[in-house]
Every structure is written in structure tokens, then in C-alpha cells.
């Protein structure tokens, strides 16, 4: 599961896997802007076959928060 999670971030944000750490926050790097944020949401939804609610899309402010949101769907990474 963790590999799929990291892959979602690397594909959507076009960053190296080593950059996908809990401390990475939305808009803390140029690659994670509003457009790539929506790509990331789409990647996570596709990979894990879930639908992320609008409130969670807005609330996903870091890698750590993304993990917490996936946990709501029963997905542990």
C-alpha cells in the first residue's frame, strides 16, 4: 500500500519518492500547487478506488494528513 501511496504523489507532483515524507506540506514546494493538488486527489482516488469528499480535498494539507484521510476509508499506508 505504501508504494502505491508514494507513487500517487510522485506521479501527480512529479517529485522524487524520497520527497514523499509526512512533513511535506501543500504549497511548501513549487510542484505541489492547486493544479497538482487536484491531480493528486484523482491519483489517490483511482489507485485506492475511493471517493474523497470535498472537505477532505480542502483539508489535505500534507502527506501526513493524506494518510489520515485514507485511514477514514480503511486504507493504512
C-alpha atoms as a PDB file:
ATOM      1  CA  UNK A   1       0.000   0.000   0.000  1.00  0.00           C
ATOM      2  CA  UNK A   2       2.757   2.429   0.875  1.00  0.00           C
ATOM      3  CA  UNK A   3       4.342   2.021  -2.569  1.00  0.00           C
ATOM      4  CA  UNK A   4       1.029   2.895  -4.238  1.00  0.00           C
ATOM      5  CA  UNK A   5       0.683   5.905  -1.949  1.00  0.00           C
ATOM      6  CA  UNK A   6       4.169   7.182  -2.774  1.00  0.00           C
ATOM      7  CA  UNK A   7       3.568   6.521  -6.462  1.00  0.00           C
ATOM      8  CA  UNK A   8       0.435   8.711  -6.375  1.00  0.00           C
ATOM      9  CA  UNK A   9       2.482  11.620  -5.030  1.00  0.00           C
ATOM     10  CA  UNK A  10       5.402  11.112  -7.417  1.00  0.00           C
ATOM     11  CA  UNK A  11       3.097  10.879 -10.443  1.00  0.00           C
ATOM     12  CA  UNK A  12       0.832  13.809  -9.542  1.00  0.00           C
ATOM     13  CA  UNK A  13       3.534  16.159  -8.285  1.00  0.00           C
ATOM     14  CA  UNK A  14       6.385  14.935 -10.476  1.00  0.00           C
ATOM     15  CA  UNK A  15       8.736  14.648  -7.500  1.00  0.00           C
ATOM     16  CA  UNK A  16      11.224  12.029  -6.308  1.00  0.00           C
ATOM     17  CA  UNK A  17       9.923   9.289  -3.991  1.00  0.00           C
ATOM     18  CA  UNK A  18      12.375  10.432  -1.286  1.00  0.00           C
ATOM     19  CA  UNK A  19      10.459  13.722  -1.054  1.00  0.00           C
ATOM     20  CA  UNK A  20       7.238  11.967  -0.007  1.00  0.00           C
ATOM     21  CA  UNK A  21       7.580  12.292   3.761  1.00  0.00           C
ATOM     22  CA  UNK A  22       4.988  13.132   6.414  1.00  0.00           C
ATOM     23  CA  UNK A  23       6.371  16.658   6.815  1.00  0.00           C
ATOM     24  CA  UNK A  24       5.824  17.564   3.136  1.00  0.00           C
ATOM     25  CA  UNK A  25       3.072  20.197   3.054  1.00  0.00           C
ATOM     26  CA  UNK A  26       0.782  21.591   0.377  1.00  0.00           C
ATOM     27  CA  UNK A  27       2.388  24.584  -1.367  1.00  0.00           C
ATOM     28  CA  UNK A  28       5.670  24.075   0.518  1.00  0.00           C
ATOM     29  CA  UNK A  29       7.284  23.158  -2.815  1.00  0.00           C
ATOM     30  CA  UNK A  30       6.512  24.634  -6.255  1.00  0.00           C
ATOM     31  CA  UNK A  31       5.421  21.223  -7.548  1.00  0.00           C
ATOM     32  CA  UNK A  32       2.508  20.987  -5.082  1.00  0.00           C
ATOM     33  CA  UNK A  33       0.259  23.777  -6.281  1.00  0.00           C
ATOM     34  CA  UNK A  34      -3.521  23.865  -6.663  1.00  0.00           C
ATOM     35  CA  UNK A  35      -3.481  22.134 -10.057  1.00  0.00           C
ATOM     36  CA  UNK A  36      -1.203  19.280  -8.969  1.00  0.00           C
ATOM     37  CA  UNK A  37      -3.255  19.003  -5.763  1.00  0.00           C
ATOM     38  CA  UNK A  38      -6.300  18.044  -7.843  1.00  0.00           C
ATOM     39  CA  UNK A  39      -4.170  15.610  -9.857  1.00  0.00           C
ATOM     40  CA  UNK A  40      -3.033  14.076  -6.578  1.00  0.00           C
ATOM     41  CA  UNK A  41      -6.625  13.683  -5.384  1.00  0.00           C
ATOM     42  CA  UNK A  42      -7.504  11.999  -8.667  1.00  0.00           C
ATOM     43  CA  UNK A  43      -4.483   9.661  -8.429  1.00  0.00           C
ATOM     44  CA  UNK A  44      -5.349   8.654  -4.866  1.00  0.00           C
ATOM     45  CA  UNK A  45      -8.987   8.047  -5.813  1.00  0.00           C
ATOM     46  CA  UNK A  46      -8.003   5.930  -8.813  1.00  0.00           C
ATOM     47  CA  UNK A  47      -5.282   3.905  -7.098  1.00  0.00           C
ATOM     48  CA  UNK A  48      -7.271   3.152  -3.958  1.00  0.00           C
ATOM     49  CA  UNK A  49     -10.705   3.056  -5.641  1.00  0.00           C
ATOM     50  CA  UNK A  50     -12.254   5.580  -3.261  1.00  0.00           C
ATOM     51  CA  UNK A  51     -14.050   8.901  -3.484  1.00  0.00           C
ATOM     52  CA  UNK A  52     -12.530  11.690  -1.412  1.00  0.00           C
ATOM     53  CA  UNK A  53     -15.051  14.175  -0.036  1.00  0.00           C
ATOM     54  CA  UNK A  54     -14.709  17.884  -0.802  1.00  0.00           C
ATOM     55  CA  UNK A  55     -13.936  18.728   2.834  1.00  0.00           C
ATOM     56  CA  UNK A  56     -11.080  16.218   2.788  1.00  0.00           C
ATOM     57  CA  UNK A  57      -9.768  17.598  -0.523  1.00  0.00           C
ATOM     58  CA  UNK A  58      -9.523  21.008   1.137  1.00  0.00           C
ATOM     59  CA  UNK A  59      -8.163  19.546   4.383  1.00  0.00           C
ATOM     60  CA  UNK A  60      -5.373  17.530   2.705  1.00  0.00           C
ATOM     61  CA  UNK A  61      -2.565  19.886   3.683  1.00  0.00           C
ATOM     62  CA  UNK A  62       0.323  17.429   3.988  1.00  0.00           C
ATOM     63  CA  UNK A  63       1.456  13.882   3.318  1.00  0.00           C
ATOM     64  CA  UNK A  64       0.618  13.062   6.937  1.00  0.00           C
ATOM     65  CA  UNK A  65      -2.905  14.456   6.517  1.00  0.00           C
ATOM     66  CA  UNK A  66      -3.350  12.447   3.296  1.00  0.00           C
ATOM     67  CA  UNK A  67      -2.579   9.283   5.267  1.00  0.00           C
ATOM     68  CA  UNK A  68      -5.168  10.268   7.887  1.00  0.00           C
ATOM     69  CA  UNK A  69      -7.790  10.835   5.188  1.00  0.00           C
ATOM     70  CA  UNK A  70      -7.076   7.458   3.604  1.00  0.00           C
ATOM     71  CA  UNK A  71      -7.396   5.861   7.049  1.00  0.00           C
ATOM     72  CA  UNK A  72     -11.023   7.090   7.109  1.00  0.00           C
ATOM     73  CA  UNK A  73     -11.525   4.811   4.088  1.00  0.00           C
ATOM     74  CA  UNK A  74      -9.879   1.862   5.860  1.00  0.00           C
ATOM     75  CA  UNK A  75      -6.579   2.275   4.000  1.00  0.00           C
ATOM     76  CA  UNK A  76      -3.380   2.169   6.027  1.00  0.00           C
ATOM     77  CA  UNK A  77      -0.138   3.416   4.447  1.00  0.00           C
END
